[in-house]
Amino acid sequence: MSKNTKLINKLLSKPKDFTWAELVKVLKQFGYVQVDTGKTGGSRVRFVNPAYPPITLHKPHPHPILKRYQINDIVNLLKNERLL
């Protein structure tokens, strides 16, 4: 099993310790690119892919662990788009 597959399986299990860096890796696998939201964006980060809807999230801080609702939203979106 590849590292990418393991990371996707970890996301699907909806763990309490899924990090921002792991999410970025997963989204890059699906062709998403992080886009700068500008000065007024604050901690909001946008990921775009021309073939799929954009994903906008607040980057977690001070700890890089994603909140449960963020993981649920991402998994649901990726499933709805038939990426998972």
N, C-alpha and C. Protein backbone atom coordinates (compact mmCIF):
# COMPACT_ATOMS: atom_id res chain seq x y z
N MET A 1 0.85 -1.17 0.00
CA MET A 1 0.00 0.00 0.00
C MET A 1 0.90 1.24 0.00
N SER A 2 0.61 2.18 -0.89
CA SER A 2 1.44 3.38 -1.01
C SER A 2 1.15 4.36 0.13
N LYS A 3 2.05 5.31 0.30
CA LYS A 3 1.86 6.34 1.33
C LYS A 3 0.60 7.15 1.06
N ASN A 4 0.34 7.43 -0.23
CA ASN A 4 -0.85 8.20 -0.59
C ASN A 4 -2.13 7.46 -0.22
N THR A 5 -2.15 6.17 -0.49
CA THR A 5 -3.33 5.36 -0.16
C THR A 5 -3.53 5.31 1.35
N LYS A 6 -2.45 5.17 2.09
CA LYS A 6 -2.55 5.14 3.55
C LYS A 6 -3.09 6.47 4.08
N LEU A 7 -2.65 7.55 3.48
CA LEU A 7 -3.10 8.87 3.91
C LEU A 7 -4.59 9.07 3.61
N ILE A 8 -5.04 8.60 2.47
CA ILE A 8 -6.47 8.69 2.13
C ILE A 8 -7.29 7.82 3.08
N ASN A 9 -6.80 6.62 3.37
CA ASN A 9 -7.50 5.75 4.32
C ASN A 9 -7.57 6.39 5.71
N LYS A 10 -6.51 7.06 6.09
CA LYS A 10 -6.52 7.76 7.38
C LYS A 10 -7.58 8.86 7.38
N LEU A 11 -7.66 9.63 6.30
CA LEU A 11 -8.68 10.68 6.19
C LEU A 11 -10.08 10.08 6.28
N LEU A 12 -10.30 8.97 5.60
CA LEU A 12 -11.62 8.34 5.60
C LEU A 12 -12.01 7.81 6.97
N SER A 13 -11.02 7.48 7.79
CA SER A 13 -11.32 7.00 9.15
C SER A 13 -11.67 8.15 10.09
N LYS A 14 -11.52 9.40 9.60
CA LYS A 14 -11.86 10.61 10.35
C LYS A 14 -11.19 10.65 11.72
N PRO A 15 -9.86 10.62 11.73
CA PRO A 15 -9.14 10.61 13.01
C PRO A 15 -9.16 11.97 13.70
N LYS A 16 -8.82 11.97 14.96
CA LYS A 16 -8.77 13.22 15.72
C LYS A 16 -7.45 13.94 15.54
N ASP A 17 -6.49 13.31 14.86
CA ASP A 17 -5.15 13.90 14.75
C ASP A 17 -4.71 14.14 13.31
N PHE A 18 -5.67 14.39 12.41
CA PHE A 18 -5.33 14.64 11.01
C PHE A 18 -4.80 16.06 10.88
N THR A 19 -3.59 16.20 10.33
CA THR A 19 -2.94 17.51 10.30
C THR A 19 -3.21 18.26 9.00
N TRP A 20 -2.92 19.55 9.06
CA TRP A 20 -3.05 20.43 7.90
C TRP A 20 -2.14 19.95 6.76
N ALA A 21 -0.90 19.59 7.10
CA ALA A 21 0.06 19.13 6.08
C ALA A 21 -0.45 17.87 5.38
N GLU A 22 -1.07 16.97 6.13
CA GLU A 22 -1.63 15.75 5.54
C GLU A 22 -2.78 16.10 4.60
N LEU A 23 -3.61 17.05 4.99
CA LEU A 23 -4.72 17.47 4.13
C LEU A 23 -4.21 18.05 2.83
N VAL A 24 -3.19 18.90 2.90
CA VAL A 24 -2.62 19.51 1.70
C VAL A 24 -2.11 18.42 0.76
N LYS A 25 -1.46 17.40 1.29
CA LYS A 25 -0.96 16.29 0.46
C LYS A 25 -2.11 15.56 -0.23
N VAL A 26 -3.18 15.30 0.52
CA VAL A 26 -4.33 14.59 -0.06
C VAL A 26 -4.96 15.42 -1.18
N LEU A 27 -5.17 16.71 -0.92
CA LEU A 27 -5.81 17.54 -1.94
C LEU A 27 -4.93 17.69 -3.18
N LYS A 28 -3.62 17.74 -3.00
CA LYS A 28 -2.71 17.81 -4.15
C LYS A 28 -2.82 16.54 -5.00
N GLN A 29 -3.04 15.40 -4.36
CA GLN A 29 -3.21 14.15 -5.10
C GLN A 29 -4.40 14.23 -6.05
N PHE A 30 -5.42 14.98 -5.66
CA PHE A 30 -6.62 15.11 -6.47
C PHE A 30 -6.57 16.32 -7.40
N GLY A 31 -5.41 16.94 -7.51
CA GLY A 31 -5.22 18.03 -8.45
C GLY A 31 -5.58 19.41 -7.92
N TYR A 32 -5.83 19.52 -6.63
CA TYR A 32 -6.13 20.83 -6.05
C TYR A 32 -4.84 21.60 -5.83
N VAL A 33 -4.93 22.92 -6.02
CA VAL A 33 -3.79 23.81 -5.83
C VAL A 33 -4.20 24.88 -4.83
N GLN A 34 -3.32 25.19 -3.89
CA GLN A 34 -3.60 26.22 -2.90
C GLN A 34 -3.46 27.59 -3.55
N VAL A 35 -4.45 28.46 -3.32
CA VAL A 35 -4.47 29.80 -3.90
C VAL A 35 -4.43 30.83 -2.78
N ASP A 36 -3.66 31.87 -2.98
CA ASP A 36 -3.56 32.95 -2.00
C ASP A 36 -4.87 33.72 -1.98
N THR A 37 -5.39 33.99 -0.78
CA THR A 37 -6.64 34.74 -0.66
C THR A 37 -6.41 36.23 -0.46
N GLY A 38 -5.16 36.65 -0.47
CA GLY A 38 -4.86 38.08 -0.35
C GLY A 38 -4.72 38.54 1.09
N LYS A 39 -4.53 39.84 1.24
CA LYS A 39 -4.31 40.42 2.57
C LYS A 39 -5.47 40.20 3.52
N THR A 40 -6.68 40.30 3.02
CA THR A 40 -7.85 40.23 3.89
C THR A 40 -8.31 38.81 4.14
N GLY A 41 -7.59 37.83 3.65
CA GLY A 41 -7.99 36.44 3.80
C GLY A 41 -7.81 35.89 5.19
N GLY A 42 -6.91 36.48 5.97
CA GLY A 42 -6.66 35.97 7.31
C GLY A 42 -6.15 34.54 7.25
N SER A 43 -6.76 33.67 8.03
CA SER A 43 -6.33 32.27 8.05
C SER A 43 -7.10 31.42 7.03
N ARG A 44 -7.92 32.04 6.22
CA ARG A 44 -8.66 31.29 5.20
C ARG A 44 -7.73 30.90 4.07
N VAL A 45 -7.89 29.66 3.65
CA VAL A 45 -7.08 29.13 2.55
C VAL A 45 -8.04 28.51 1.55
N ARG A 46 -7.77 28.76 0.29
CA ARG A 46 -8.63 28.22 -0.78
C ARG A 46 -7.82 27.26 -1.63
N PHE A 47 -8.45 26.12 -1.95
CA PHE A 47 -7.87 25.13 -2.84
C PHE A 47 -8.78 25.04 -4.06
N VAL A 48 -8.18 25.12 -5.24
CA VAL A 48 -8.98 25.08 -6.47
C VAL A 48 -8.50 23.97 -7.39
N ASN A 49 -9.46 23.48 -8.14
CA ASN A 49 -9.23 22.49 -9.18
C ASN A 49 -10.25 22.83 -10.26
N PRO A 50 -9.82 23.04 -11.50
CA PRO A 50 -10.77 23.47 -12.54
C PRO A 50 -11.94 22.51 -12.77
N ALA A 51 -11.76 21.25 -12.44
CA ALA A 51 -12.80 20.26 -12.70
C ALA A 51 -13.77 20.06 -11.53
N TYR A 52 -13.45 20.63 -10.37
CA TYR A 52 -14.25 20.38 -9.17
C TYR A 52 -14.49 21.68 -8.42
N PRO A 53 -15.45 21.67 -7.49
CA PRO A 53 -15.72 22.89 -6.71
C PRO A 53 -14.52 23.27 -5.84
N PRO A 54 -14.35 24.57 -5.59
CA PRO A 54 -13.24 25.00 -4.72
C PRO A 54 -13.51 24.60 -3.27
N ILE A 55 -12.44 24.49 -2.51
CA ILE A 55 -12.53 24.17 -1.08
C ILE A 55 -11.91 25.34 -0.33
N THR A 56 -12.67 25.93 0.57
CA THR A 56 -12.18 27.04 1.39
C THR A 56 -12.24 26.63 2.85
N LEU A 57 -11.10 26.75 3.52
CA LEU A 57 -11.00 26.34 4.92
C LEU A 57 -10.24 27.38 5.72
N HIS A 58 -10.45 27.37 7.02
CA HIS A 58 -9.61 28.14 7.93
C HIS A 58 -8.46 27.25 8.34
N LYS A 59 -7.25 27.74 8.16
CA LYS A 59 -6.08 26.99 8.55
C LYS A 59 -6.04 26.96 10.08
N PRO A 60 -5.97 25.77 10.66
CA PRO A 60 -6.00 25.69 12.12
C PRO A 60 -4.73 26.26 12.75
N HIS A 61 -4.93 26.94 13.86
CA HIS A 61 -3.80 27.48 14.60
C HIS A 61 -4.20 27.63 16.05
N PRO A 62 -3.36 27.58 16.99
CA PRO A 62 -1.91 27.44 16.91
C PRO A 62 -1.48 26.01 16.62
N HIS A 63 -2.39 25.03 16.80
CA HIS A 63 -2.05 23.63 16.53
C HIS A 63 -2.52 23.27 15.13
N PRO A 64 -1.74 22.47 14.39
CA PRO A 64 -2.09 22.18 12.99
C PRO A 64 -3.10 21.05 12.81
N ILE A 65 -3.85 20.70 13.85
CA ILE A 65 -4.81 19.60 13.76
C ILE A 65 -6.16 20.13 13.27
N LEU A 66 -6.73 19.45 12.28
CA LEU A 66 -8.02 19.86 11.73
C LEU A 66 -9.14 19.53 12.71
N LYS A 67 -10.18 20.33 12.67
CA LYS A 67 -11.37 20.09 13.49
C LYS A 67 -12.19 18.98 12.83
N ARG A 68 -13.00 18.32 13.63
CA ARG A 68 -13.82 17.20 13.14
C ARG A 68 -14.74 17.64 12.00
N TYR A 69 -15.38 18.81 12.13
CA TYR A 69 -16.30 19.26 11.08
C TYR A 69 -15.58 19.51 9.77
N GLN A 70 -14.32 19.96 9.83
CA GLN A 70 -13.55 20.19 8.61
C GLN A 70 -13.29 18.88 7.88
N ILE A 71 -12.91 17.87 8.64
CA ILE A 71 -12.65 16.55 8.05
C ILE A 71 -13.93 16.01 7.43
N ASN A 72 -15.04 16.11 8.16
CA ASN A 72 -16.32 15.62 7.63
C ASN A 72 -16.71 16.34 6.34
N ASP A 73 -16.54 17.66 6.32
CA ASP A 73 -16.89 18.44 5.13
C ASP A 73 -16.03 18.04 3.93
N ILE A 74 -14.75 17.85 4.16
CA ILE A 74 -13.85 17.49 3.06
C ILE A 74 -14.16 16.10 2.53
N VAL A 75 -14.36 15.15 3.43
CA VAL A 75 -14.69 13.78 3.00
C VAL A 75 -16.00 13.78 2.22
N ASN A 76 -17.00 14.50 2.70
CA ASN A 76 -18.29 14.56 2.00
C ASN A 76 -18.14 15.18 0.62
N LEU A 77 -17.39 16.26 0.50
CA LEU A 77 -17.20 16.90 -0.79
C LEU A 77 -16.47 15.96 -1.75
N LEU A 78 -15.40 15.32 -1.29
CA LEU A 78 -14.64 14.43 -2.17
C LEU A 78 -15.47 13.21 -2.58
N LYS A 79 -16.32 12.73 -1.69
CA LYS A 79 -17.21 11.61 -2.04
C LYS A 79 -18.27 12.05 -3.05
N ASN A 80 -18.85 13.24 -2.83
CA ASN A 80 -19.88 13.75 -3.75
C ASN A 80 -19.33 13.96 -5.15
N GLU A 81 -18.07 14.32 -5.24
CA GLU A 81 -17.43 14.52 -6.54
C GLU A 81 -16.84 13.22 -7.10
N ARG A 82 -17.06 12.15 -6.40
CA ARG A 82 -16.60 10.80 -6.79
C ARG A 82 -15.07 10.71 -6.89
N LEU A 83 -14.39 11.47 -6.04
CA LEU A 83 -12.94 11.37 -5.96
C LEU A 83 -12.54 10.30 -4.96
N LEU A 84 -13.43 9.99 -4.03
CA LEU A 84 -13.19 8.93 -3.04
C LEU A 84 -14.20 7.83 -3.25
